[in-house]
Amino acid sequence: MQKFLHQLWSEEQGQDIAEYAVMLAVILVIVIGTVRLIGSNSNTVFSQVGSAIQ
């Protein structure tokens, strides 16, 4: 068991996968935050334009 854990800890391929997963999570948080911000701002703009037209 100890040998397996040491092998798992020292394996570099697993670290690469973990790094990619962290980068993907950060990118997703940024994209989702940006879409939500733009979505709420665009809704306000469209509401104002619609009110101005009427």
N, C-alpha and C. Protein backbone atom coordinates (compact mmCIF):
# COMPACT_ATOMS: atom_id res chain seq x y z
N MET A 1 0.83 -1.20 0.00
CA MET A 1 0.00 0.00 0.00
C MET A 1 0.87 1.26 0.00
N GLN A 2 1.92 1.23 0.80
CA GLN A 2 2.81 2.38 0.88
C GLN A 2 3.52 2.61 -0.46
N LYS A 3 3.89 1.52 -1.12
CA LYS A 3 4.54 1.62 -2.43
C LYS A 3 3.58 2.23 -3.45
N PHE A 4 2.32 1.83 -3.41
CA PHE A 4 1.32 2.36 -4.33
C PHE A 4 1.12 3.85 -4.11
N LEU A 5 1.01 4.28 -2.84
CA LEU A 5 0.83 5.69 -2.55
C LEU A 5 2.04 6.51 -2.98
N HIS A 6 3.23 5.98 -2.77
CA HIS A 6 4.44 6.68 -3.20
C HIS A 6 4.47 6.81 -4.72
N GLN A 7 4.07 5.76 -5.41
CA GLN A 7 4.05 5.77 -6.87
C GLN A 7 3.00 6.78 -7.37
N LEU A 8 1.86 6.82 -6.72
CA LEU A 8 0.80 7.74 -7.09
C LEU A 8 1.23 9.19 -6.84
N TRP A 9 1.94 9.42 -5.74
CA TRP A 9 2.37 10.77 -5.38
C TRP A 9 3.45 11.29 -6.32
N SER A 10 4.33 10.41 -6.76
CA SER A 10 5.46 10.85 -7.58
C SER A 10 5.17 10.81 -9.08
N GLU A 11 4.01 10.32 -9.47
CA GLU A 11 3.67 10.25 -10.88
C GLU A 11 3.36 11.65 -11.41
N GLU A 12 4.03 12.05 -12.47
CA GLU A 12 3.89 13.41 -12.99
C GLU A 12 2.65 13.57 -13.88
N GLN A 13 2.21 12.52 -14.50
CA GLN A 13 1.06 12.62 -15.40
C GLN A 13 -0.19 13.03 -14.63
N GLY A 14 -0.36 12.53 -13.44
CA GLY A 14 -1.50 12.89 -12.62
C GLY A 14 -1.48 14.35 -12.23
N GLN A 15 -0.30 14.89 -12.01
CA GLN A 15 -0.18 16.30 -11.68
C GLN A 15 -0.57 17.16 -12.86
N ASP A 16 -0.21 16.75 -14.06
CA ASP A 16 -0.59 17.51 -15.25
C ASP A 16 -2.11 17.56 -15.38
N ILE A 17 -2.75 16.44 -15.16
CA ILE A 17 -4.21 16.39 -15.26
C ILE A 17 -4.84 17.31 -14.21
N ALA A 18 -4.30 17.31 -13.01
CA ALA A 18 -4.83 18.17 -11.95
C ALA A 18 -4.63 19.65 -12.29
N GLU A 19 -3.50 19.99 -12.87
CA GLU A 19 -3.24 21.37 -13.26
C GLU A 19 -4.22 21.82 -14.35
N TYR A 20 -4.46 20.96 -15.32
CA TYR A 20 -5.43 21.29 -16.37
C TYR A 20 -6.83 21.44 -15.79
N ALA A 21 -7.18 20.61 -14.84
CA ALA A 21 -8.50 20.71 -14.21
C ALA A 21 -8.66 22.03 -13.47
N VAL A 22 -7.61 22.46 -12.77
CA VAL A 22 -7.66 23.74 -12.05
C VAL A 22 -7.76 24.89 -13.04
N MET A 23 -6.97 24.84 -14.12
CA MET A 23 -7.04 25.90 -15.13
C MET A 23 -8.43 25.96 -15.76
N LEU A 24 -9.01 24.81 -16.06
CA LEU A 24 -10.34 24.75 -16.64
C LEU A 24 -11.37 25.35 -15.69
N ALA A 25 -11.26 25.03 -14.41
CA ALA A 25 -12.20 25.56 -13.41
C ALA A 25 -12.09 27.08 -13.33
N VAL A 26 -10.88 27.62 -13.35
CA VAL A 26 -10.69 29.07 -13.29
C VAL A 26 -11.27 29.73 -14.54
N ILE A 27 -11.01 29.16 -15.69
CA ILE A 27 -11.53 29.72 -16.94
C ILE A 27 -13.06 29.69 -16.94
N LEU A 28 -13.65 28.60 -16.47
CA LEU A 28 -15.10 28.51 -16.42
C LEU A 28 -15.70 29.55 -15.48
N VAL A 29 -15.07 29.79 -14.35
CA VAL A 29 -15.57 30.80 -13.41
C VAL A 29 -15.51 32.18 -14.06
N ILE A 30 -14.42 32.48 -14.76
CA ILE A 30 -14.30 33.78 -15.43
C ILE A 30 -15.35 33.92 -16.51
N VAL A 31 -15.53 32.89 -17.32
CA VAL A 31 -16.51 32.95 -18.42
C VAL A 31 -17.93 33.10 -17.87
N ILE A 32 -18.27 32.32 -16.87
CA ILE A 32 -19.62 32.39 -16.31
C ILE A 32 -19.86 33.76 -15.68
N GLY A 33 -18.88 34.28 -14.97
CA GLY A 33 -19.01 35.62 -14.37
C GLY A 33 -19.20 36.69 -15.43
N THR A 34 -18.43 36.59 -16.51
CA THR A 34 -18.54 37.57 -17.59
C THR A 34 -19.90 37.49 -18.27
N VAL A 35 -20.36 36.30 -18.54
CA VAL A 35 -21.66 36.13 -19.20
C VAL A 35 -22.78 36.66 -18.31
N ARG A 36 -22.71 36.42 -17.03
CA ARG A 36 -23.75 36.93 -16.13
C ARG A 36 -23.72 38.44 -16.06
N LEU A 37 -22.52 39.02 -16.03
CA LEU A 37 -22.40 40.48 -15.98
C LEU A 37 -22.92 41.10 -17.27
N ILE A 38 -22.50 40.58 -18.38
CA ILE A 38 -22.96 41.11 -19.67
C ILE A 38 -24.46 40.88 -19.84
N GLY A 39 -24.94 39.74 -19.40
CA GLY A 39 -26.36 39.43 -19.52
C GLY A 39 -27.23 40.42 -18.76
N SER A 40 -26.85 40.75 -17.53
CA SER A 40 -27.66 41.69 -16.75
C SER A 40 -27.55 43.09 -17.32
N ASN A 41 -26.38 43.49 -17.78
CA ASN A 41 -26.22 44.82 -18.37
C ASN A 41 -26.98 44.93 -19.69
N SER A 42 -26.92 43.90 -20.50
CA SER A 42 -27.62 43.96 -21.78
C SER A 42 -29.13 43.97 -21.58
N ASN A 43 -29.61 43.29 -20.57
CA ASN A 43 -31.04 43.31 -20.27
C ASN A 43 -31.48 44.72 -19.91
N THR A 44 -30.67 45.42 -19.14
CA THR A 44 -30.98 46.80 -18.77
C THR A 44 -31.00 47.69 -19.99
N VAL A 45 -30.02 47.54 -20.85
CA VAL A 45 -29.94 48.36 -22.06
C VAL A 45 -31.14 48.10 -22.96
N PHE A 46 -31.49 46.85 -23.18
CA PHE A 46 -32.64 46.54 -24.03
C PHE A 46 -33.94 47.07 -23.43
N SER A 47 -34.06 47.03 -22.13
CA SER A 47 -35.26 47.58 -21.46
C SER A 47 -35.33 49.08 -21.67
N GLN A 48 -34.20 49.78 -21.55
CA GLN A 48 -34.18 51.22 -21.75
C GLN A 48 -34.52 51.59 -23.20
N VAL A 49 -33.97 50.84 -24.13
CA VAL A 49 -34.25 51.09 -25.55
C VAL A 49 -35.73 50.83 -25.84
N GLY A 50 -36.26 49.77 -25.30
CA GLY A 50 -37.67 49.46 -25.50
C GLY A 50 -38.57 50.54 -24.92
N SER A 51 -38.22 51.06 -23.76
CA SER A 51 -39.00 52.14 -23.15
C SER A 51 -38.91 53.42 -23.97
N ALA A 52 -37.74 53.68 -24.52
CA ALA A 52 -37.54 54.90 -25.33
C ALA A 52 -38.34 54.83 -26.62
N ILE A 53 -38.46 53.64 -27.17
CA ILE A 53 -39.20 53.48 -28.44
C ILE A 53 -40.70 53.71 -28.23
N GLN A 54 -41.22 53.24 -27.11
CA GLN A 54 -42.66 53.35 -26.86
C GLN A 54 -42.93 54.74 -26.53
